[in-house]
């Protein structure tokens, strides 16, 4: 059972990292579930402080991921159309086989979203930059957090490797 929890927990960690870039997946909460699954094994003792602090961080990052792009867009004069455009641009950028699509997509999406909202080119460009900056900030924040969670996961696996992998001792 420990092996299954370890494998599923690791899969959640990887999906959480992918969720840093994919707006349809809540990256940090999924990575936290990976940490929880690791602590549910018999080999790794449950540390409620560790789980509580990492859960609070995951929740904070999850909430901030919605607030930061909105703040960036608002600060640069953007609208909801720009934010929606940035999200659509991200998905297209991920699927497009062009280098840098993940960066170009949200910017172009925000720009086109602002133009569809009847903004002039200069206002749309400024708002697209704000939306793009907010998106990059949120993505970077999620990515760093999920990588840290992966590091914590691997550290715990290493610390309890003899109990987790008794056949390899």
C-alpha atoms as a PDB file:
ATOM      1  CA  UNK A   1       0.000   0.000   0.000  1.00  0.00           C
ATOM      2  CA  UNK A   2       2.887   2.340   0.788  1.00  0.00           C
ATOM      3  CA  UNK A   3       4.270   1.876  -2.725  1.00  0.00           C
ATOM      4  CA  UNK A   4       0.908   2.744  -4.283  1.00  0.00           C
ATOM      5  CA  UNK A   5       0.560   5.871  -2.129  1.00  0.00           C
ATOM      6  CA  UNK A   6       4.139   6.861  -2.962  1.00  0.00           C
ATOM      7  CA  UNK A   7       3.581   6.460  -6.709  1.00  0.00           C
ATOM      8  CA  UNK A   8       0.224   8.246  -6.717  1.00  0.00           C
ATOM      9  CA  UNK A   9       1.687  10.995  -4.530  1.00  0.00           C
ATOM     10  CA  UNK A  10       4.557  11.472  -6.985  1.00  0.00           C
ATOM     11  CA  UNK A  11       2.094  11.596  -9.874  1.00  0.00           C
ATOM     12  CA  UNK A  12       0.191  14.335  -8.036  1.00  0.00           C
ATOM     13  CA  UNK A  13       3.454  16.232  -7.618  1.00  0.00           C
ATOM     14  CA  UNK A  14       4.116  16.098 -11.376  1.00  0.00           C
ATOM     15  CA  UNK A  15       0.524  17.047 -12.231  1.00  0.00           C
ATOM     16  CA  UNK A  16       0.846  19.925  -9.760  1.00  0.00           C
ATOM     17  CA  UNK A  17       3.933  21.211 -11.571  1.00  0.00           C
ATOM     18  CA  UNK A  18       2.072  20.972 -14.885  1.00  0.00           C
ATOM     19  CA  UNK A  19      -0.809  22.803 -13.209  1.00  0.00           C
ATOM     20  CA  UNK A  20       1.546  25.731 -12.691  1.00  0.00           C
ATOM     21  CA  UNK A  21       1.280  26.363 -16.425  1.00  0.00           C
ATOM     22  CA  UNK A  22      -2.136  24.938 -17.274  1.00  0.00           C
ATOM     23  CA  UNK A  23      -4.949  27.166 -16.012  1.00  0.00           C
ATOM     24  CA  UNK A  24      -7.419  24.267 -15.774  1.00  0.00           C
ATOM     25  CA  UNK A  25      -5.371  22.472 -13.109  1.00  0.00           C
ATOM     26  CA  UNK A  26      -4.943  23.842  -9.582  1.00  0.00           C
ATOM     27  CA  UNK A  27      -1.188  23.234  -9.360  1.00  0.00           C
ATOM     28  CA  UNK A  28      -0.321  23.944  -5.745  1.00  0.00           C
ATOM     29  CA  UNK A  29      -3.300  22.114  -4.191  1.00  0.00           C
ATOM     30  CA  UNK A  30      -2.559  19.058  -6.357  1.00  0.00           C
ATOM     31  CA  UNK A  31       1.082  19.088  -5.263  1.00  0.00           C
ATOM     32  CA  UNK A  32      -0.060  19.360  -1.660  1.00  0.00           C
ATOM     33  CA  UNK A  33      -2.228  16.263  -2.134  1.00  0.00           C
ATOM     34  CA  UNK A  34       0.986  14.494  -3.160  1.00  0.00           C
ATOM     35  CA  UNK A  35       2.553  15.517   0.154  1.00  0.00           C
ATOM     36  CA  UNK A  36      -0.543  14.327   2.017  1.00  0.00           C
ATOM     37  CA  UNK A  37      -0.456  10.939   0.277  1.00  0.00           C
ATOM     38  CA  UNK A  38       3.182  10.527   1.231  1.00  0.00           C
ATOM     39  CA  UNK A  39       2.322  11.193   4.862  1.00  0.00           C
ATOM     40  CA  UNK A  40      -0.506   8.648   4.711  1.00  0.00           C
ATOM     41  CA  UNK A  41       2.003   5.868   4.142  1.00  0.00           C
ATOM     42  CA  UNK A  42       2.894   3.762   7.147  1.00  0.00           C
ATOM     43  CA  UNK A  43       6.594   4.489   6.628  1.00  0.00           C
ATOM     44  CA  UNK A  44       6.342   8.290   6.907  1.00  0.00           C
ATOM     45  CA  UNK A  45       4.827   9.574  10.153  1.00  0.00           C
ATOM     46  CA  UNK A  46       2.093  12.154   9.847  1.00  0.00           C
ATOM     47  CA  UNK A  47       3.450  15.561  10.753  1.00  0.00           C
ATOM     48  CA  UNK A  48       0.407  17.799  11.217  1.00  0.00           C
ATOM     49  CA  UNK A  49       2.515  20.963  11.479  1.00  0.00           C
ATOM     50  CA  UNK A  50       4.229  20.220   8.192  1.00  0.00           C
ATOM     51  CA  UNK A  51       0.946  19.369   6.468  1.00  0.00           C
ATOM     52  CA  UNK A  52      -0.834  22.373   7.991  1.00  0.00           C
ATOM     53  CA  UNK A  53       1.821  24.887   6.970  1.00  0.00           C
ATOM     54  CA  UNK A  54       2.145  23.491   3.451  1.00  0.00           C
ATOM     55  CA  UNK A  55      -1.671  23.426   3.111  1.00  0.00           C
ATOM     56  CA  UNK A  56      -1.845  27.082   4.166  1.00  0.00           C
ATOM     57  CA  UNK A  57       0.858  27.961   1.617  1.00  0.00           C
ATOM     58  CA  UNK A  58      -0.947  25.997  -1.114  1.00  0.00           C
ATOM     59  CA  UNK A  59      -4.228  27.736  -0.325  1.00  0.00           C
ATOM     60  CA  UNK A  60      -2.600  31.169  -0.218  1.00  0.00           C
ATOM     61  CA  UNK A  61      -0.884  30.619  -3.578  1.00  0.00           C
ATOM     62  CA  UNK A  62      -4.133  29.282  -5.054  1.00  0.00           C
ATOM     63  CA  UNK A  63      -6.022  32.415  -3.991  1.00  0.00           C
ATOM     64  CA  UNK A  64      -3.200  34.764  -5.003  1.00  0.00           C
ATOM     65  CA  UNK A  65      -3.170  33.173  -8.448  1.00  0.00           C
ATOM     66  CA  UNK A  66      -6.574  34.733  -9.066  1.00  0.00           C
ATOM     67  CA  UNK A  67      -5.815  38.060  -7.428  1.00  0.00           C
ATOM     68  CA  UNK A  68      -2.403  38.878  -8.984  1.00  0.00           C
ATOM     69  CA  UNK A  69      -3.404  38.728 -12.681  1.00  0.00           C
ATOM     70  CA  UNK A  70      -6.488  40.798 -11.948  1.00  0.00           C
ATOM     71  CA  UNK A  71      -4.363  43.363 -10.125  1.00  0.00           C
ATOM     72  CA  UNK A  72      -1.877  43.496 -13.013  1.00  0.00           C
ATOM     73  CA  UNK A  73      -4.616  43.922 -15.576  1.00  0.00           C
ATOM     74  CA  UNK A  74      -6.433  46.563 -13.522  1.00  0.00           C
ATOM     75  CA  UNK A  75      -3.236  48.492 -12.784  1.00  0.00           C
ATOM     76  CA  UNK A  76      -2.473  48.741 -16.492  1.00  0.00           C
ATOM     77  CA  UNK A  77      -6.046  49.662 -17.458  1.00  0.00           C
ATOM     78  CA  UNK A  78      -7.205  46.274 -18.686  1.00  0.00           C
ATOM     79  CA  UNK A  79     -10.564  44.567 -18.592  1.00  0.00           C
ATOM     80  CA  UNK A  80     -11.920  41.095 -17.977  1.00  0.00           C
ATOM     81  CA  UNK A  81     -11.758  40.506 -21.741  1.00  0.00           C
ATOM     82  CA  UNK A  82      -7.973  40.891 -21.560  1.00  0.00           C
ATOM     83  CA  UNK A  83      -7.730  38.331 -18.776  1.00  0.00           C
ATOM     84  CA  UNK A  84      -9.921  35.872 -20.667  1.00  0.00           C
ATOM     85  CA  UNK A  85      -7.864  36.469 -23.789  1.00  0.00           C
ATOM     86  CA  UNK A  86      -4.646  35.804 -21.861  1.00  0.00           C
ATOM     87  CA  UNK A  87      -6.025  32.465 -20.639  1.00  0.00           C
ATOM     88  CA  UNK A  88      -7.175  31.425 -24.116  1.00  0.00           C
ATOM     89  CA  UNK A  89      -3.823  32.546 -25.515  1.00  0.00           C
ATOM     90  CA  UNK A  90      -2.041  30.404 -22.949  1.00  0.00           C
ATOM     91  CA  UNK A  91      -3.949  27.287 -23.970  1.00  0.00           C
ATOM     92  CA  UNK A  92      -3.295  27.964 -27.660  1.00  0.00           C
ATOM     93  CA  UNK A  93       0.342  28.764 -26.893  1.00  0.00           C
ATOM     94  CA  UNK A  94       0.739  25.437 -25.096  1.00  0.00           C
ATOM     95  CA  UNK A  95      -0.753  23.531 -28.009  1.00  0.00           C
ATOM     96  CA  UNK A  96       1.013  25.474 -30.770  1.00  0.00           C
ATOM     97  CA  UNK A  97       4.243  23.896 -31.999  1.00  0.00           C
ATOM     98  CA  UNK A  98       6.090  27.220 -31.990  1.00  0.00           C
ATOM     99  CA  UNK A  99       8.946  27.984 -29.605  1.00  0.00           C
ATOM    100  CA  UNK A 100       7.898  30.406 -26.896  1.00  0.00           C
ATOM    101  CA  UNK A 101       4.179  29.778 -27.494  1.00  0.00           C
ATOM    102  CA  UNK A 102       3.561  29.657 -23.757  1.00  0.00           C
ATOM    103  CA  UNK A 103       4.891  33.229 -23.481  1.00  0.00           C
ATOM    104  CA  UNK A 104       3.630  34.719 -26.751  1.00  0.00           C
ATOM    105  CA  UNK A 105       0.153  33.164 -26.445  1.00  0.00           C
ATOM    106  CA  UNK A 106      -1.015  34.936 -23.260  1.00  0.00           C
ATOM    107  CA  UNK A 107       0.301  38.293 -24.445  1.00  0.00           C
ATOM    108  CA  UNK A 108      -1.390  38.063 -27.854  1.00  0.00           C
ATOM    109  CA  UNK A 109      -4.540  36.704 -26.236  1.00  0.00           C
ATOM    110  CA  UNK A 110      -4.714  39.609 -23.802  1.00  0.00           C
ATOM    111  CA  UNK A 111      -4.056  42.086 -26.617  1.00  0.00           C
ATOM    112  CA  UNK A 112      -6.793  40.616 -28.827  1.00  0.00           C
ATOM    113  CA  UNK A 113      -9.139  40.396 -25.850  1.00  0.00           C
ATOM    114  CA  UNK A 114      -8.657  44.097 -25.152  1.00  0.00           C
ATOM    115  CA  UNK A 115      -9.160  44.955 -28.830  1.00  0.00           C
ATOM    116  CA  UNK A 116     -12.420  42.994 -28.803  1.00  0.00           C
ATOM    117  CA  UNK A 117     -13.425  45.101 -25.814  1.00  0.00           C
ATOM    118  CA  UNK A 118     -13.246  48.179 -28.058  1.00  0.00           C
ATOM    119  CA  UNK A 119      -9.923  49.449 -26.718  1.00  0.00           C
ATOM    120  CA  UNK A 120      -7.595  51.372 -29.005  1.00  0.00           C
ATOM    121  CA  UNK A 121      -4.235  49.812 -29.916  1.00  0.00           C
ATOM    122  CA  UNK A 122      -2.231  51.716 -27.310  1.00  0.00           C
ATOM    123  CA  UNK A 123      -4.659  50.973 -24.463  1.00  0.00           C
ATOM    124  CA  UNK A 124      -4.937  47.331 -25.563  1.00  0.00           C
ATOM    125  CA  UNK A 125      -1.157  46.972 -25.661  1.00  0.00           C
ATOM    126  CA  UNK A 126      -0.767  48.502 -22.205  1.00  0.00           C
ATOM    127  CA  UNK A 127      -3.518  46.331 -20.736  1.00  0.00           C
ATOM    128  CA  UNK A 128      -2.127  43.248 -22.483  1.00  0.00           C
ATOM    129  CA  UNK A 129       1.241  43.934 -20.898  1.00  0.00           C
ATOM    130  CA  UNK A 130      -0.382  44.219 -17.456  1.00  0.00           C
ATOM    131  CA  UNK A 131      -2.373  41.048 -17.931  1.00  0.00           C
ATOM    132  CA  UNK A 132       0.684  39.242 -19.238  1.00  0.00           C
ATOM    133  CA  UNK A 133       2.811  40.473 -16.341  1.00  0.00           C
ATOM    134  CA  UNK A 134       0.183  39.321 -13.850  1.00  0.00           C
ATOM    135  CA  UNK A 135      -0.039  35.959 -15.575  1.00  0.00           C
ATOM    136  CA  UNK A 136       3.746  35.500 -15.517  1.00  0.00           C
ATOM    137  CA  UNK A 137       3.910  36.466 -11.852  1.00  0.00           C
ATOM    138  CA  UNK A 138       1.186  33.984 -10.916  1.00  0.00           C
ATOM    139  CA  UNK A 139       2.715  31.229 -13.018  1.00  0.00           C
ATOM    140  CA  UNK A 140       6.183  31.803 -11.566  1.00  0.00           C
ATOM    141  CA  UNK A 141       4.769  31.824  -8.041  1.00  0.00           C
ATOM    142  CA  UNK A 142       2.920  28.518  -8.614  1.00  0.00           C
ATOM    143  CA  UNK A 143       5.903  26.913 -10.334  1.00  0.00           C
ATOM    144  CA  UNK A 144       8.335  27.813  -7.553  1.00  0.00           C
ATOM    145  CA  UNK A 145       5.911  26.582  -4.885  1.00  0.00           C
ATOM    146  CA  UNK A 146       5.272  23.258  -6.624  1.00  0.00           C
ATOM    147  CA  UNK A 147       9.006  22.728  -7.160  1.00  0.00           C
ATOM    148  CA  UNK A 148       9.586  23.390  -3.451  1.00  0.00           C
ATOM    149  CA  UNK A 149       6.802  20.922  -2.622  1.00  0.00           C
ATOM    150  CA  UNK A 150       8.487  18.364  -4.907  1.00  0.00           C
ATOM    151  CA  UNK A 151      11.766  18.977  -3.101  1.00  0.00           C
ATOM    152  CA  UNK A 152      10.054  18.428   0.252  1.00  0.00           C
ATOM    153  CA  UNK A 153       8.431  15.272  -1.100  1.00  0.00           C
ATOM    154  CA  UNK A 154      11.745  13.885  -2.339  1.00  0.00           C
ATOM    155  CA  UNK A 155      13.460  14.887   0.896  1.00  0.00           C
ATOM    156  CA  UNK A 156      10.886  12.962   2.938  1.00  0.00           C
ATOM    157  CA  UNK A 157      11.213   9.958   0.610  1.00  0.00           C
ATOM    158  CA  UNK A 158      14.996  10.076   1.056  1.00  0.00           C
ATOM    159  CA  UNK A 159      14.731  10.405   4.843  1.00  0.00           C
ATOM    160  CA  UNK A 160      12.410   7.380   5.077  1.00  0.00           C
ATOM    161  CA  UNK A 161      13.859   5.396   2.154  1.00  0.00           C
ATOM    162  CA  UNK A 162      14.694   2.359   4.296  1.00  0.00           C
ATOM    163  CA  UNK A 163      11.120   2.068   5.517  1.00  0.00           C
ATOM    164  CA  UNK A 164       9.617   2.869   2.104  1.00  0.00           C
ATOM    165  CA  UNK A 165      11.903   0.516   0.159  1.00  0.00           C
ATOM    166  CA  UNK A 166      12.720  -2.369   2.518  1.00  0.00           C
ATOM    167  CA  UNK A 167      13.615  -4.701  -0.357  1.00  0.00           C
ATOM    168  CA  UNK A 168      16.488  -2.482  -1.476  1.00  0.00           C
ATOM    169  CA  UNK A 169      18.324  -2.401   1.869  1.00  0.00           C
END
